[in-house]
Amino acid sequence: MAVAARIKYFRHVRDYSQEDLALRANINPAYFGQVERGLKCPTIDTLYKIARALDVPLPELLRTDAPPASSSDGKLRLKELLSRVPEDKLDKVLNVIENIVDLF
């Protein structure tokens, strides 16, 4: 169940639906839903596909010694959000982030 919860967490961080992630990982969406709910035990190959589709190292996906909402995951989320900013707007977004960081 811990791995299923981590998959769900990282899927939410990436803002993917179950179907989006299943298609990105080339996995049957119904099967993926069962994996994420902890009803099916995926093979290591399937877990590797899911990790690649999430852009998360497989060992990070399989960790059970730390909750998924650690500070490193925050950095992953920030990286994902920044990757969605259009190139011509990136300087403005970075300037806003710098100003926020300066407040601390």
C-alpha atoms as a PDB file:
ATOM      1  CA  MET A   1       0.000   0.000   0.000  1.00  0.00           C
ATOM      2  CA  ALA A   2       2.885   2.406   0.686  1.00  0.00           C
ATOM      3  CA  VAL A   3       4.053   2.263  -2.936  1.00  0.00           C
ATOM      4  CA  ALA A   4       0.495   2.785  -4.177  1.00  0.00           C
ATOM      5  CA  ALA A   5       0.208   5.890  -1.987  1.00  0.00           C
ATOM      6  CA  ARG A   6       3.511   7.225  -3.328  1.00  0.00           C
ATOM      7  CA  ILE A   7       2.385   6.648  -6.911  1.00  0.00           C
ATOM      8  CA  LYS A   8      -0.825   8.536  -6.180  1.00  0.00           C
ATOM      9  CA  TYR A   9       1.086  11.349  -4.474  1.00  0.00           C
ATOM     10  CA  PHE A  10       3.518  11.839  -7.357  1.00  0.00           C
ATOM     11  CA  ARG A  11       0.652  11.608  -9.853  1.00  0.00           C
ATOM     12  CA  HIS A  12      -1.124  14.435  -8.033  1.00  0.00           C
ATOM     13  CA  VAL A  13       2.070  16.508  -7.895  1.00  0.00           C
ATOM     14  CA  ARG A  14       2.335  16.181 -11.672  1.00  0.00           C
ATOM     15  CA  ASP A  15      -1.383  16.969 -12.010  1.00  0.00           C
ATOM     16  CA  TYR A  16      -1.996  13.822 -14.087  1.00  0.00           C
ATOM     17  CA  SER A  17      -5.234  11.893 -14.101  1.00  0.00           C
ATOM     18  CA  GLN A  18      -4.990   8.129 -13.653  1.00  0.00           C
ATOM     19  CA  GLU A  19      -5.679   7.710 -17.350  1.00  0.00           C
ATOM     20  CA  ASP A  20      -3.020  10.285 -18.331  1.00  0.00           C
ATOM     21  CA  LEU A  21      -0.372   8.518 -16.294  1.00  0.00           C
ATOM     22  CA  ALA A  22      -1.415   5.064 -17.484  1.00  0.00           C
ATOM     23  CA  LEU A  23      -1.141   6.174 -21.106  1.00  0.00           C
ATOM     24  CA  ARG A  24       2.213   7.867 -20.487  1.00  0.00           C
ATOM     25  CA  ALA A  25       3.458   4.634 -18.903  1.00  0.00           C
ATOM     26  CA  ASN A  26       1.912   2.464 -21.632  1.00  0.00           C
ATOM     27  CA  ILE A  27      -0.188   0.586 -19.050  1.00  0.00           C
ATOM     28  CA  ASN A  28      -3.842  -0.361 -19.282  1.00  0.00           C
ATOM     29  CA  PRO A  29      -5.738   2.410 -17.426  1.00  0.00           C
ATOM     30  CA  ALA A  30      -8.015  -0.042 -15.583  1.00  0.00           C
ATOM     31  CA  TYR A  31      -5.004  -2.041 -14.407  1.00  0.00           C
ATOM     32  CA  PHE A  32      -3.216   1.141 -13.349  1.00  0.00           C
ATOM     33  CA  GLY A  33      -6.218   2.157 -11.250  1.00  0.00           C
ATOM     34  CA  GLN A  34      -6.039  -1.189  -9.453  1.00  0.00           C
ATOM     35  CA  VAL A  35      -2.304  -0.734  -8.851  1.00  0.00           C
ATOM     36  CA  GLU A  36      -2.824   2.734  -7.407  1.00  0.00           C
ATOM     37  CA  ARG A  37      -5.587   1.480  -5.118  1.00  0.00           C
ATOM     38  CA  GLY A  38      -3.311  -1.322  -3.908  1.00  0.00           C
ATOM     39  CA  LEU A  39      -5.479  -4.058  -5.397  1.00  0.00           C
ATOM     40  CA  LYS A  40      -2.818  -5.348  -7.787  1.00  0.00           C
ATOM     41  CA  CYS A  41       0.863  -5.970  -7.184  1.00  0.00           C
ATOM     42  CA  PRO A  42       2.776  -4.640 -10.202  1.00  0.00           C
ATOM     43  CA  THR A  43       5.940  -6.181 -11.582  1.00  0.00           C
ATOM     44  CA  ILE A  44       9.200  -4.282 -11.322  1.00  0.00           C
ATOM     45  CA  ASP A  45       8.921  -3.571 -15.053  1.00  0.00           C
ATOM     46  CA  THR A  46       5.528  -1.945 -14.515  1.00  0.00           C
ATOM     47  CA  LEU A  47       6.866   0.084 -11.587  1.00  0.00           C
ATOM     48  CA  TYR A  48       9.763   1.213 -13.771  1.00  0.00           C
ATOM     49  CA  LYS A  49       7.321   2.375 -16.460  1.00  0.00           C
ATOM     50  CA  ILE A  50       5.327   4.297 -13.863  1.00  0.00           C
ATOM     51  CA  ALA A  51       8.456   5.890 -12.396  1.00  0.00           C
ATOM     52  CA  ARG A  52       9.631   6.979 -15.853  1.00  0.00           C
ATOM     53  CA  ALA A  53       6.213   8.417 -16.696  1.00  0.00           C
ATOM     54  CA  LEU A  54       6.314  10.372 -13.427  1.00  0.00           C
ATOM     55  CA  ASP A  55       9.943  11.447 -13.978  1.00  0.00           C
ATOM     56  CA  VAL A  56      10.791  10.056 -10.525  1.00  0.00           C
ATOM     57  CA  PRO A  57      13.754   7.743  -9.895  1.00  0.00           C
ATOM     58  CA  LEU A  58      12.511   4.217  -9.213  1.00  0.00           C
ATOM     59  CA  PRO A  59      14.214   4.051  -5.778  1.00  0.00           C
ATOM     60  CA  GLU A  60      12.382   7.253  -4.788  1.00  0.00           C
ATOM     61  CA  LEU A  61       9.075   5.773  -5.870  1.00  0.00           C
ATOM     62  CA  LEU A  62       9.748   2.621  -3.834  1.00  0.00           C
ATOM     63  CA  ARG A  63      10.919   4.371  -0.638  1.00  0.00           C
ATOM     64  CA  THR A  64       9.000   3.412   2.459  1.00  0.00           C
ATOM     65  CA  ASP A  65      11.225   5.112   5.027  1.00  0.00           C
ATOM     66  CA  ALA A  66      10.026   8.651   4.321  1.00  0.00           C
ATOM     67  CA  PRO A  67       6.645  10.169   3.577  1.00  0.00           C
ATOM     68  CA  PRO A  68       6.229  11.327  -0.011  1.00  0.00           C
ATOM     69  CA  ALA A  69       5.701  14.939   1.043  1.00  0.00           C
ATOM     70  CA  SER A  70       9.344  15.547   1.955  1.00  0.00           C
ATOM     71  CA  SER A  71      11.251  18.702   1.060  1.00  0.00           C
ATOM     72  CA  SER A  72      12.891  16.972  -1.907  1.00  0.00           C
ATOM     73  CA  ASP A  73       9.422  16.342  -3.314  1.00  0.00           C
ATOM     74  CA  GLY A  74       8.701  20.049  -2.991  1.00  0.00           C
ATOM     75  CA  LYS A  75      11.712  20.674  -5.177  1.00  0.00           C
ATOM     76  CA  LEU A  76      10.399  18.117  -7.675  1.00  0.00           C
ATOM     77  CA  ARG A  77       7.041  19.880  -7.708  1.00  0.00           C
ATOM     78  CA  LEU A  78       8.693  23.269  -8.234  1.00  0.00           C
ATOM     79  CA  LYS A  79      10.768  21.825 -11.071  1.00  0.00           C
ATOM     80  CA  GLU A  80       7.613  20.412 -12.667  1.00  0.00           C
ATOM     81  CA  LEU A  81       5.758  23.713 -12.331  1.00  0.00           C
ATOM     82  CA  LEU A  82       8.655  25.673 -13.809  1.00  0.00           C
ATOM     83  CA  SER A  83       8.844  23.275 -16.740  1.00  0.00           C
ATOM     84  CA  ARG A  84       5.281  24.291 -17.655  1.00  0.00           C
ATOM     85  CA  VAL A  85       6.070  28.034 -17.786  1.00  0.00           C
ATOM     86  CA  PRO A  86       6.441  29.340 -21.342  1.00  0.00           C
ATOM     87  CA  GLU A  87      10.047  30.280 -22.118  1.00  0.00           C
ATOM     88  CA  ASP A  88       9.169  33.924 -22.757  1.00  0.00           C
ATOM     89  CA  LYS A  89       7.570  34.201 -19.275  1.00  0.00           C
ATOM     90  CA  LEU A  90      10.237  32.331 -17.308  1.00  0.00           C
ATOM     91  CA  ASP A  91      12.234  35.440 -16.319  1.00  0.00           C
ATOM     92  CA  LYS A  92       9.122  37.052 -14.833  1.00  0.00           C
ATOM     93  CA  VAL A  93       8.260  33.914 -12.845  1.00  0.00           C
ATOM     94  CA  LEU A  94      11.820  33.585 -11.562  1.00  0.00           C
ATOM     95  CA  ASN A  95      11.798  37.245 -10.538  1.00  0.00           C
ATOM     96  CA  VAL A  96       8.610  36.669  -8.514  1.00  0.00           C
ATOM     97  CA  ILE A  97      10.167  33.612  -6.841  1.00  0.00           C
ATOM     98  CA  GLU A  98      13.316  35.568  -6.000  1.00  0.00           C
ATOM     99  CA  ASN A  99      11.219  38.319  -4.400  1.00  0.00           C
ATOM    100  CA  ILE A 100       9.305  35.779  -2.331  1.00  0.00           C
ATOM    101  CA  VAL A 101      12.510  34.084  -1.183  1.00  0.00           C
ATOM    102  CA  ASP A 102      13.939  37.475  -0.197  1.00  0.00           C
ATOM    103  CA  LEU A 103      10.994  37.888   2.198  1.00  0.00           C
ATOM    104  CA  PHE A 104      12.337  35.000   4.268  1.00  0.00           C
END
